[in-house]
PDB file of N, CA and C in Angstrom:
ATOM      1  N   UNK A   1     113.138 102.892  82.125  1.00  0.00           N
ATOM      2  CA  UNK A   1     112.583 102.740  82.766  1.00  0.00           C
ATOM      3  C   UNK A   1     113.139 103.046  83.811  1.00  0.00           C
ATOM      4  N   UNK A   2     112.205 104.656  85.398  1.00  0.00           N
ATOM      5  CA  UNK A   2     113.127 104.771  86.328  1.00  0.00           C
ATOM      6  C   UNK A   2     112.985 103.695  87.904  1.00  0.00           C
ATOM      7  N   UNK A   3     113.768 103.841  88.392  1.00  0.00           N
ATOM      8  CA  UNK A   3     113.479 103.110  89.990  1.00  0.00           C
ATOM      9  C   UNK A   3     112.435 103.525  90.760  1.00  0.00           C
ATOM     10  N   UNK A   4     112.066 102.507  91.165  1.00  0.00           N
ATOM     11  CA  UNK A   4     111.205 103.119  92.406  1.00  0.00           C
ATOM     12  C   UNK A   4     111.013 102.200  93.942  1.00  0.00           C
ATOM     13  N   UNK A   5     110.946 103.278  94.675  1.00  0.00           N
ATOM     14  CA  UNK A   5     111.184 103.143  96.030  1.00  0.00           C
ATOM     15  C   UNK A   5     110.012 102.249  96.123  1.00  0.00           C
ATOM     16  N   UNK A   6     110.495 100.958  97.449  1.00  0.00           N
ATOM     17  CA  UNK A   6     109.979 100.384  98.335  1.00  0.00           C
ATOM     18  C   UNK A   6     109.185 101.045  99.702  1.00  0.00           C
ATOM     19  N   UNK A   7     108.338 100.701  99.629  1.00  0.00           N
ATOM     20  CA  UNK A   7     107.305 101.219 101.187  1.00  0.00           C
ATOM     21  C   UNK A   7     108.096 100.021 102.260  1.00  0.00           C
ATOM     22  N   UNK A   8     107.816 100.547 103.561  1.00  0.00           N
ATOM     23  CA  UNK A   8     108.068  99.370 104.882  1.00  0.00           C
ATOM     24  C   UNK A   8     107.029  98.269 104.658  1.00  0.00           C
ATOM     25  N   UNK A   9     105.999  98.233 104.250  1.00  0.00           N
ATOM     26  CA  UNK A   9     104.434  97.807 103.983  1.00  0.00           C
ATOM     27  C   UNK A   9     104.218  96.972 102.547  1.00  0.00           C
ATOM     28  N   UNK A  10     105.670  97.484 102.063  1.00  0.00           N
ATOM     29  CA  UNK A  10     105.927  96.633 100.400  1.00  0.00           C
ATOM     30  C   UNK A  10     104.835  97.291  99.601  1.00  0.00           C
ATOM     31  N   UNK A  11     104.164  98.598  99.364  1.00  0.00           N
ATOM     32  CA  UNK A  11     103.446  98.758  98.354  1.00  0.00           C
ATOM     33  C   UNK A  11     104.578  99.874  97.944  1.00  0.00           C
ATOM     34  N   UNK A  12     104.386  99.785  96.765  1.00  0.00           N
ATOM     35  CA  UNK A  12     105.669 100.855  96.111  1.00  0.00           C
ATOM     36  C   UNK A  12     105.015 102.132  96.123  1.00  0.00           C
ATOM     37  N   UNK A  13     105.726 103.015  95.704  1.00  0.00           N
ATOM     38  CA  UNK A  13     105.865 104.473  96.393  1.00  0.00           C
ATOM     39  C   UNK A  13     106.868 105.080  95.408  1.00  0.00           C
ATOM     40  N   UNK A  14     106.090 106.172  94.732  1.00  0.00           N
ATOM     41  CA  UNK A  14     107.611 107.160  93.808  1.00  0.00           C
ATOM     42  C   UNK A  14     108.075 107.948  95.129  1.00  0.00           C
ATOM     43  N   UNK A  15     109.816 108.210  94.897  1.00  0.00           N
ATOM     44  CA  UNK A  15     110.064 109.513  95.835  1.00  0.00           C
ATOM     45  C   UNK A  15     109.558 110.773  95.484  1.00  0.00           C
ATOM     46  N   UNK A  16     109.195 110.777  93.969  1.00  0.00           N
ATOM     47  CA  UNK A  16     108.472 112.140  93.537  1.00  0.00           C
ATOM     48  C   UNK A  16     107.114 111.997  94.118  1.00  0.00           C
ATOM     49  N   UNK A  17     107.150 113.758  94.443  1.00  0.00           N
ATOM     50  CA  UNK A  17     105.598 114.187  94.485  1.00  0.00           C
ATOM     51  C   UNK A  17     105.217 115.563  93.761  1.00  0.00           C
ATOM     52  N   UNK A  18     103.845 115.596  94.351  1.00  0.00           N
ATOM     53  CA  UNK A  18     103.127 116.472  92.926  1.00  0.00           C
ATOM     54  C   UNK A  18     104.176 117.706  93.777  1.00  0.00           C
ATOM     55  N   UNK A  19     103.933 118.576  92.652  1.00  0.00           N
ATOM     56  CA  UNK A  19     104.527 119.663  92.751  1.00  0.00           C
ATOM     57  C   UNK A  19     103.710 120.333  94.987  1.00  0.00           C
ATOM     58  N   UNK A  20     102.550 120.645  94.500  1.00  0.00           N
ATOM     59  CA  UNK A  20     101.345 121.389  95.789  1.00  0.00           C
ATOM     60  C   UNK A  20     101.145 120.089  96.603  1.00  0.00           C
ATOM     61  N   UNK A  21     100.931 118.380  96.255  1.00  0.00           N
ATOM     62  CA  UNK A  21     100.912 117.867  96.581  1.00  0.00           C
ATOM     63  C   UNK A  21     101.927 117.287  97.814  1.00  0.00           C
ATOM     64  N   UNK A  22     103.149 117.091  97.804  1.00  0.00           N
ATOM     65  CA  UNK A  22     103.763 117.436  99.168  1.00  0.00           C
ATOM     66  C   UNK A  22     103.483 115.543  99.776  1.00  0.00           C
ATOM     67  N   UNK A  23     103.487 114.534  98.752  1.00  0.00           N
ATOM     68  CA  UNK A  23     103.893 113.314  99.307  1.00  0.00           C
ATOM     69  C   UNK A  23     103.961 112.665  98.115  1.00  0.00           C
ATOM     70  N   UNK A  24     104.439 111.278  98.521  1.00  0.00           N
ATOM     71  CA  UNK A  24     104.685 110.464  97.632  1.00  0.00           C
ATOM     72  C   UNK A  24     103.803 109.644  97.034  1.00  0.00           C
ATOM     73  N   UNK A  25     103.973 109.788  95.541  1.00  0.00           N
ATOM     74  CA  UNK A  25     102.636 108.818  95.088  1.00  0.00           C
ATOM     75  C   UNK A  25     102.677 107.459  94.857  1.00  0.00           C
ATOM     76  N   UNK A  26     101.153 106.699  95.594  1.00  0.00           N
ATOM     77  CA  UNK A  26     101.583 105.506  95.778  1.00  0.00           C
ATOM     78  C   UNK A  26     101.406 105.223  94.778  1.00  0.00           C
ATOM     79  N   UNK A  27     101.903 103.454  93.650  1.00  0.00           N
ATOM     80  CA  UNK A  27     101.599 102.972  92.795  1.00  0.00           C
ATOM     81  C   UNK A  27      99.944 102.872  93.350  1.00  0.00           C
ATOM     82  N   UNK A  28      99.926 102.074  93.456  1.00  0.00           N
ATOM     83  CA  UNK A  28      98.470 101.471  93.631  1.00  0.00           C
ATOM     84  C   UNK A  28      97.151 102.278  94.270  1.00  0.00           C
ATOM     85  N   UNK A  29      97.387 103.306  94.996  1.00  0.00           N
ATOM     86  CA  UNK A  29      96.255 104.688  95.106  1.00  0.00           C
ATOM     87  C   UNK A  29      95.587 104.814  93.797  1.00  0.00           C
ATOM     88  N   UNK A  30      94.153 104.992  94.600  1.00  0.00           N
ATOM     89  CA  UNK A  30      93.411 105.228  93.758  1.00  0.00           C
ATOM     90  C   UNK A  30      92.703 107.382  93.992  1.00  0.00           C
ATOM     91  N   UNK A  31      93.355 107.638  93.431  1.00  0.00           N
ATOM     92  CA  UNK A  31      93.240 109.273  93.442  1.00  0.00           C
ATOM     93  C   UNK A  31      91.824 109.750  92.226  1.00  0.00           C
ATOM     94  N   UNK A  32      91.454 110.647  93.123  1.00  0.00           N
ATOM     95  CA  UNK A  32      90.217 111.488  92.785  1.00  0.00           C
ATOM     96  C   UNK A  32      90.427 112.087  91.684  1.00  0.00           C
ATOM     97  N   UNK A  33      89.270 113.006  90.859  1.00  0.00           N
ATOM     98  CA  UNK A  33      90.390 113.886  89.966  1.00  0.00           C
ATOM     99  C   UNK A  33      91.016 114.865  90.411  1.00  0.00           C
ATOM    100  N   UNK A  34      90.298 115.724  91.357  1.00  0.00           N
ATOM    101  CA  UNK A  34      90.919 116.479  91.851  1.00  0.00           C
ATOM    102  C   UNK A  34      92.159 116.400  92.631  1.00  0.00           C
ATOM    103  N   UNK A  35      92.477 115.434  92.748  1.00  0.00           N
ATOM    104  CA  UNK A  35      93.676 114.890  93.713  1.00  0.00           C
ATOM    105  C   UNK A  35      94.872 114.315  92.250  1.00  0.00           C
ATOM    106  N   UNK A  36      94.485 113.826  91.654  1.00  0.00           N
ATOM    107  CA  UNK A  36      95.062 113.744  90.751  1.00  0.00           C
ATOM    108  C   UNK A  36      95.647 115.155  89.629  1.00  0.00           C
ATOM    109  N   UNK A  37      94.611 116.301  89.112  1.00  0.00           N
ATOM    110  CA  UNK A  37      94.894 117.668  88.727  1.00  0.00           C
ATOM    111  C   UNK A  37      95.787 117.788  89.223  1.00  0.00           C
ATOM    112  N   UNK A  38      96.225 118.135  90.437  1.00  0.00           N
ATOM    113  CA  UNK A  38      97.286 118.773  91.483  1.00  0.00           C
ATOM    114  C   UNK A  38      97.729 118.124  90.791  1.00  0.00           C
ATOM    115  N   UNK A  39      98.099 116.405  90.985  1.00  0.00           N
ATOM    116  CA  UNK A  39      99.997 116.041  90.847  1.00  0.00           C
ATOM    117  C   UNK A  39     100.163 116.390  89.290  1.00  0.00           C
ATOM    118  N   UNK A  40      99.550 116.061  88.335  1.00  0.00           N
ATOM    119  CA  UNK A  40      99.585 116.555  87.214  1.00  0.00           C
ATOM    120  C   UNK A  40      99.710 118.367  86.338  1.00  0.00           C
ATOM    121  N   UNK A  41      99.358 118.625  87.746  1.00  0.00           N
ATOM    122  CA  UNK A  41      99.441 120.136  87.725  1.00  0.00           C
ATOM    123  C   UNK A  41      98.215 120.998  86.263  1.00  0.00           C
ATOM    124  N   UNK A  42      97.596 120.372  86.372  1.00  0.00           N
ATOM    125  CA  UNK A  42      96.567 120.870  85.267  1.00  0.00           C
ATOM    126  C   UNK A  42      95.588 120.883  86.148  1.00  0.00           C
ATOM    127  N   UNK A  43      94.314 121.837  85.387  1.00  0.00           N
ATOM    128  CA  UNK A  43      93.141 122.313  85.691  1.00  0.00           C
ATOM    129  C   UNK A  43      91.838 120.686  85.761  1.00  0.00           C
ATOM    130  N   UNK A  44      91.451 120.574  86.611  1.00  0.00           N
ATOM    131  CA  UNK A  44      90.276 119.647  86.571  1.00  0.00           C
ATOM    132  C   UNK A  44      89.257 119.369  85.570  1.00  0.00           C
ATOM    133  N   UNK A  45      89.143 120.829  84.774  1.00  0.00           N
ATOM    134  CA  UNK A  45      88.391 120.643  83.225  1.00  0.00           C
ATOM    135  C   UNK A  45      89.601 120.398  82.396  1.00  0.00           C
ATOM    136  N   UNK A  46      90.918 120.299  82.511  1.00  0.00           N
ATOM    137  CA  UNK A  46      91.873 120.196  81.373  1.00  0.00           C
ATOM    138  C   UNK A  46      91.862 118.500  81.599  1.00  0.00           C
ATOM    139  N   UNK A  47      92.603 117.771  82.858  1.00  0.00           N
ATOM    140  CA  UNK A  47      91.761 116.492  83.189  1.00  0.00           C
ATOM    141  C   UNK A  47      90.625 115.305  82.423  1.00  0.00           C
ATOM    142  N   UNK A  48      89.598 115.876  82.849  1.00  0.00           N
ATOM    143  CA  UNK A  48      88.493 115.511  82.452  1.00  0.00           C
ATOM    144  C   UNK A  48      87.885 115.724  80.871  1.00  0.00           C
ATOM    145  N   UNK A  49      88.886 116.991  80.138  1.00  0.00           N
ATOM    146  CA  UNK A  49      88.949 116.692  78.759  1.00  0.00           C
ATOM    147  C   UNK A  49      89.884 115.749  78.156  1.00  0.00           C
ATOM    148  N   UNK A  50      91.099 115.753  78.731  1.00  0.00           N
ATOM    149  CA  UNK A  50      91.740 114.864  78.817  1.00  0.00           C
ATOM    150  C   UNK A  50      90.718 113.238  78.504  1.00  0.00           C
ATOM    151  N   UNK A  51      90.450 112.964  79.128  1.00  0.00           N
ATOM    152  CA  UNK A  51      89.367 112.310  79.474  1.00  0.00           C
ATOM    153  C   UNK A  51      88.334 111.524  78.105  1.00  0.00           C
ATOM    154  N   UNK A  52      87.647 112.659  78.074  1.00  0.00           N
ATOM    155  CA  UNK A  52      86.621 112.867  77.361  1.00  0.00           C
ATOM    156  C   UNK A  52      87.422 112.178  75.170  1.00  0.00           C
ATOM    157  N   UNK A  53      88.614 112.818  75.662  1.00  0.00           N
ATOM    158  CA  UNK A  53      89.124 112.691  74.056  1.00  0.00           C
ATOM    159  C   UNK A  53      90.204 111.677  74.408  1.00  0.00           C
ATOM    160  N   UNK A  54      90.008 110.704  75.509  1.00  0.00           N
ATOM    161  CA  UNK A  54      90.755 109.528  75.022  1.00  0.00           C
ATOM    162  C   UNK A  54      92.108 109.569  75.731  1.00  0.00           C
ATOM    163  N   UNK A  55      92.735 110.829  75.882  1.00  0.00           N
ATOM    164  CA  UNK A  55      93.928 111.180  75.892  1.00  0.00           C
ATOM    165  C   UNK A  55      94.774 111.085  77.771  1.00  0.00           C
ATOM    166  N   UNK A  56      95.117 111.512  78.224  1.00  0.00           N
ATOM    167  CA  UNK A  56      95.884 111.388  79.601  1.00  0.00           C
ATOM    168  C   UNK A  56      96.212 109.966  80.329  1.00  0.00           C
ATOM    169  N   UNK A  57      96.246 110.259  81.143  1.00  0.00           N
ATOM    170  CA  UNK A  57      95.723 108.692  81.980  1.00  0.00           C
ATOM    171  C   UNK A  57      95.699 108.117  82.512  1.00  0.00           C
ATOM    172  N   UNK A  58      95.743 106.436  81.783  1.00  0.00           N
ATOM    173  CA  UNK A  58      94.420 105.687  81.934  1.00  0.00           C
ATOM    174  C   UNK A  58      93.257 105.960  83.397  1.00  0.00           C
ATOM    175  N   UNK A  59      92.135 105.832  82.997  1.00  0.00           N
ATOM    176  CA  UNK A  59      90.679 106.015  84.229  1.00  0.00           C
ATOM    177  C   UNK A  59      90.577 104.572  84.717  1.00  0.00           C
ATOM    178  N   UNK A  60      90.415 104.825  86.050  1.00  0.00           N
ATOM    179  CA  UNK A  60      90.161 103.021  86.433  1.00  0.00           C
ATOM    180  C   UNK A  60      88.294 103.229  87.062  1.00  0.00           C
ATOM    181  N   UNK A  61      87.280 103.186  86.469  1.00  0.00           N
ATOM    182  CA  UNK A  61      86.056 103.122  87.588  1.00  0.00           C
ATOM    183  C   UNK A  61      85.785 101.538  88.592  1.00  0.00           C
ATOM    184  N   UNK A  62      85.309 101.655  89.169  1.00  0.00           N
ATOM    185  CA  UNK A  62      85.608 100.391  90.030  1.00  0.00           C
ATOM    186  C   UNK A  62      83.819  99.965  90.158  1.00  0.00           C
ATOM    187  N   UNK A  63      82.777 100.792  89.271  1.00  0.00           N
ATOM    188  CA  UNK A  63      81.828  99.699  88.488  1.00  0.00           C
ATOM    189  C   UNK A  63      81.358 101.190  87.577  1.00  0.00           C
ATOM    190  N   UNK A  64      80.204 100.311  86.638  1.00  0.00           N
ATOM    191  CA  UNK A  64      80.318 101.800  85.335  1.00  0.00           C
ATOM    192  C   UNK A  64      79.519 103.191  85.843  1.00  0.00           C
ATOM    193  N   UNK A  65      78.598 103.360  86.988  1.00  0.00           N
ATOM    194  CA  UNK A  65      78.364 104.667  87.081  1.00  0.00           C
ATOM    195  C   UNK A  65      79.301 105.137  87.675  1.00  0.00           C
ATOM    196  N   UNK A  66      80.881 104.724  88.706  1.00  0.00           N
ATOM    197  CA  UNK A  66      81.566 104.858  89.834  1.00  0.00           C
ATOM    198  C   UNK A  66      82.213 105.993  88.982  1.00  0.00           C
ATOM    199  N   UNK A  67      82.226 107.033  90.172  1.00  0.00           N
ATOM    200  CA  UNK A  67      83.569 108.219  89.506  1.00  0.00           C
ATOM    201  C   UNK A  67      84.298 108.047  88.949  1.00  0.00           C
ATOM    202  N   UNK A  68      85.772 109.089  88.003  1.00  0.00           N
ATOM    203  CA  UNK A  68      86.592 108.335  87.583  1.00  0.00           C
ATOM    204  C   UNK A  68      87.603 108.118  88.748  1.00  0.00           C
ATOM    205  N   UNK A  69      88.565 107.554  89.085  1.00  0.00           N
ATOM    206  CA  UNK A  69      89.639 107.436  90.034  1.00  0.00           C
ATOM    207  C   UNK A  69      91.014 107.616  89.387  1.00  0.00           C
ATOM    208  N   UNK A  70      92.275 107.340  89.842  1.00  0.00           N
ATOM    209  CA  UNK A  70      93.147 107.217  88.487  1.00  0.00           C
ATOM    210  C   UNK A  70      94.298 106.492  89.522  1.00  0.00           C
ATOM    211  N   UNK A  71      95.114 105.374  89.151  1.00  0.00           N
ATOM    212  CA  UNK A  71      95.696 104.883  90.008  1.00  0.00           C
ATOM    213  C   UNK A  71      97.388 105.839  90.020  1.00  0.00           C
ATOM    214  N   UNK A  72      97.893 105.425  90.955  1.00  0.00           N
ATOM    215  CA  UNK A  72      99.237 106.047  91.241  1.00  0.00           C
ATOM    216  C   UNK A  72     100.136 105.632  89.951  1.00  0.00           C
ATOM    217  N   UNK A  73     100.288 104.452  89.712  1.00  0.00           N
ATOM    218  CA  UNK A  73     101.425 104.087  88.423  1.00  0.00           C
ATOM    219  C   UNK A  73     101.411 104.677  87.123  1.00  0.00           C
ATOM    220  N   UNK A  74      99.621 104.646  87.233  1.00  0.00           N
ATOM    221  CA  UNK A  74      99.026 105.580  85.736  1.00  0.00           C
ATOM    222  C   UNK A  74      99.691 107.529  85.558  1.00  0.00           C
ATOM    223  N   UNK A  75      99.558 107.661  86.704  1.00  0.00           N
ATOM    224  CA  UNK A  75      99.849 109.580  86.816  1.00  0.00           C
ATOM    225  C   UNK A  75     100.945 109.654  86.550  1.00  0.00           C
ATOM    226  N   UNK A  76     102.064 109.048  87.279  1.00  0.00           N
ATOM    227  CA  UNK A  76     103.444 108.385  86.823  1.00  0.00           C
ATOM    228  C   UNK A  76     103.935 108.206  85.378  1.00  0.00           C
ATOM    229  N   UNK A  77     103.451 107.358  84.730  1.00  0.00           N
ATOM    230  CA  UNK A  77     103.578 107.162  83.374  1.00  0.00           C
ATOM    231  C   UNK A  77     102.797 108.119  82.286  1.00  0.00           C
ATOM    232  N   UNK A  78     102.629 109.176  82.932  1.00  0.00           N
ATOM    233  CA  UNK A  78     101.689 110.587  82.227  1.00  0.00           C
ATOM    234  C   UNK A  78     102.910 111.207  82.892  1.00  0.00           C
ATOM    235  N   UNK A  79     102.677 111.449  83.761  1.00  0.00           N
ATOM    236  CA  UNK A  79     104.256 112.694  84.180  1.00  0.00           C
ATOM    237  C   UNK A  79     105.749 112.145  83.234  1.00  0.00           C
ATOM    238  N   UNK A  80     105.960 110.599  82.789  1.00  0.00           N
ATOM    239  CA  UNK A  80     107.083 110.530  82.501  1.00  0.00           C
ATOM    240  C   UNK A  80     106.783 110.378  81.114  1.00  0.00           C
ATOM    241  N   UNK A  81     105.602 110.464  80.855  1.00  0.00           N
ATOM    242  CA  UNK A  81     105.679 110.957  79.032  1.00  0.00           C
ATOM    243  C   UNK A  81     105.490 112.116  78.929  1.00  0.00           C
ATOM    244  N   UNK A  82     105.290 112.985  79.830  1.00  0.00           N
ATOM    245  CA  UNK A  82     105.380 114.648  79.433  1.00  0.00           C
ATOM    246  C   UNK A  82     107.079 115.085  79.951  1.00  0.00           C
ATOM    247  N   UNK A  83     107.688 114.096  80.382  1.00  0.00           N
ATOM    248  CA  UNK A  83     109.488 114.399  80.603  1.00  0.00           C
ATOM    249  C   UNK A  83     109.674 114.539  79.002  1.00  0.00           C
ATOM    250  N   UNK A  84     109.480 113.259  78.888  1.00  0.00           N
ATOM    251  CA  UNK A  84     109.885 112.852  77.240  1.00  0.00           C
ATOM    252  C   UNK A  84     109.908 113.621  76.353  1.00  0.00           C
ATOM    253  N   UNK A  85     108.292 114.199  76.299  1.00  0.00           N
ATOM    254  CA  UNK A  85     107.502 115.290  74.769  1.00  0.00           C
ATOM    255  C   UNK A  85     108.519 116.058  74.886  1.00  0.00           C
ATOM    256  N   UNK A  86     108.656 116.186  75.867  1.00  0.00           N
ATOM    257  CA  UNK A  86     109.598 117.954  76.688  1.00  0.00           C
ATOM    258  C   UNK A  86     110.703 118.694  76.414  1.00  0.00           C
ATOM    259  N   UNK A  87     111.670 116.692  76.104  1.00  0.00           N
ATOM    260  CA  UNK A  87     113.175 116.490  75.979  1.00  0.00           C
ATOM    261  C   UNK A  87     113.211 116.259  74.772  1.00  0.00           C
ATOM    262  N   UNK A  88     112.218 115.592  73.601  1.00  0.00           N
ATOM    263  CA  UNK A  88     112.130 116.046  72.202  1.00  0.00           C
ATOM    264  C   UNK A  88     112.055 117.095  71.486  1.00  0.00           C
ATOM    265  N   UNK A  89     111.252 117.830  72.879  1.00  0.00           N
ATOM    266  CA  UNK A  89     111.006 118.777  71.100  1.00  0.00           C
ATOM    267  C   UNK A  89     111.947 120.485  72.037  1.00  0.00           C
ATOM    268  N   UNK A  90     112.790 120.057  73.017  1.00  0.00           N
ATOM    269  CA  UNK A  90     113.711 120.734  73.550  1.00  0.00           C
ATOM    270  C   UNK A  90     114.543 121.681  72.621  1.00  0.00           C
TER     271      UNK A  90
END
């Protein structure tokens, strides 16, 4: 498991940042589908397809009809899994 930095206020964050996102990925922050797509460098439609197929990062909904949200820690887990996949197939 990779080390993660703890910020001044005690929230965990990751020193990695999304290519086009430009800020650290906060573990407990809830990201929208479009924000998550930017972080993962995939299209919104790809993220929706993954969600419908039960793949990709875990989804959080605050109530049943709420729009999907993605916790930063689940986005980081998806990025870590992709890194492992790439290494195995190199």
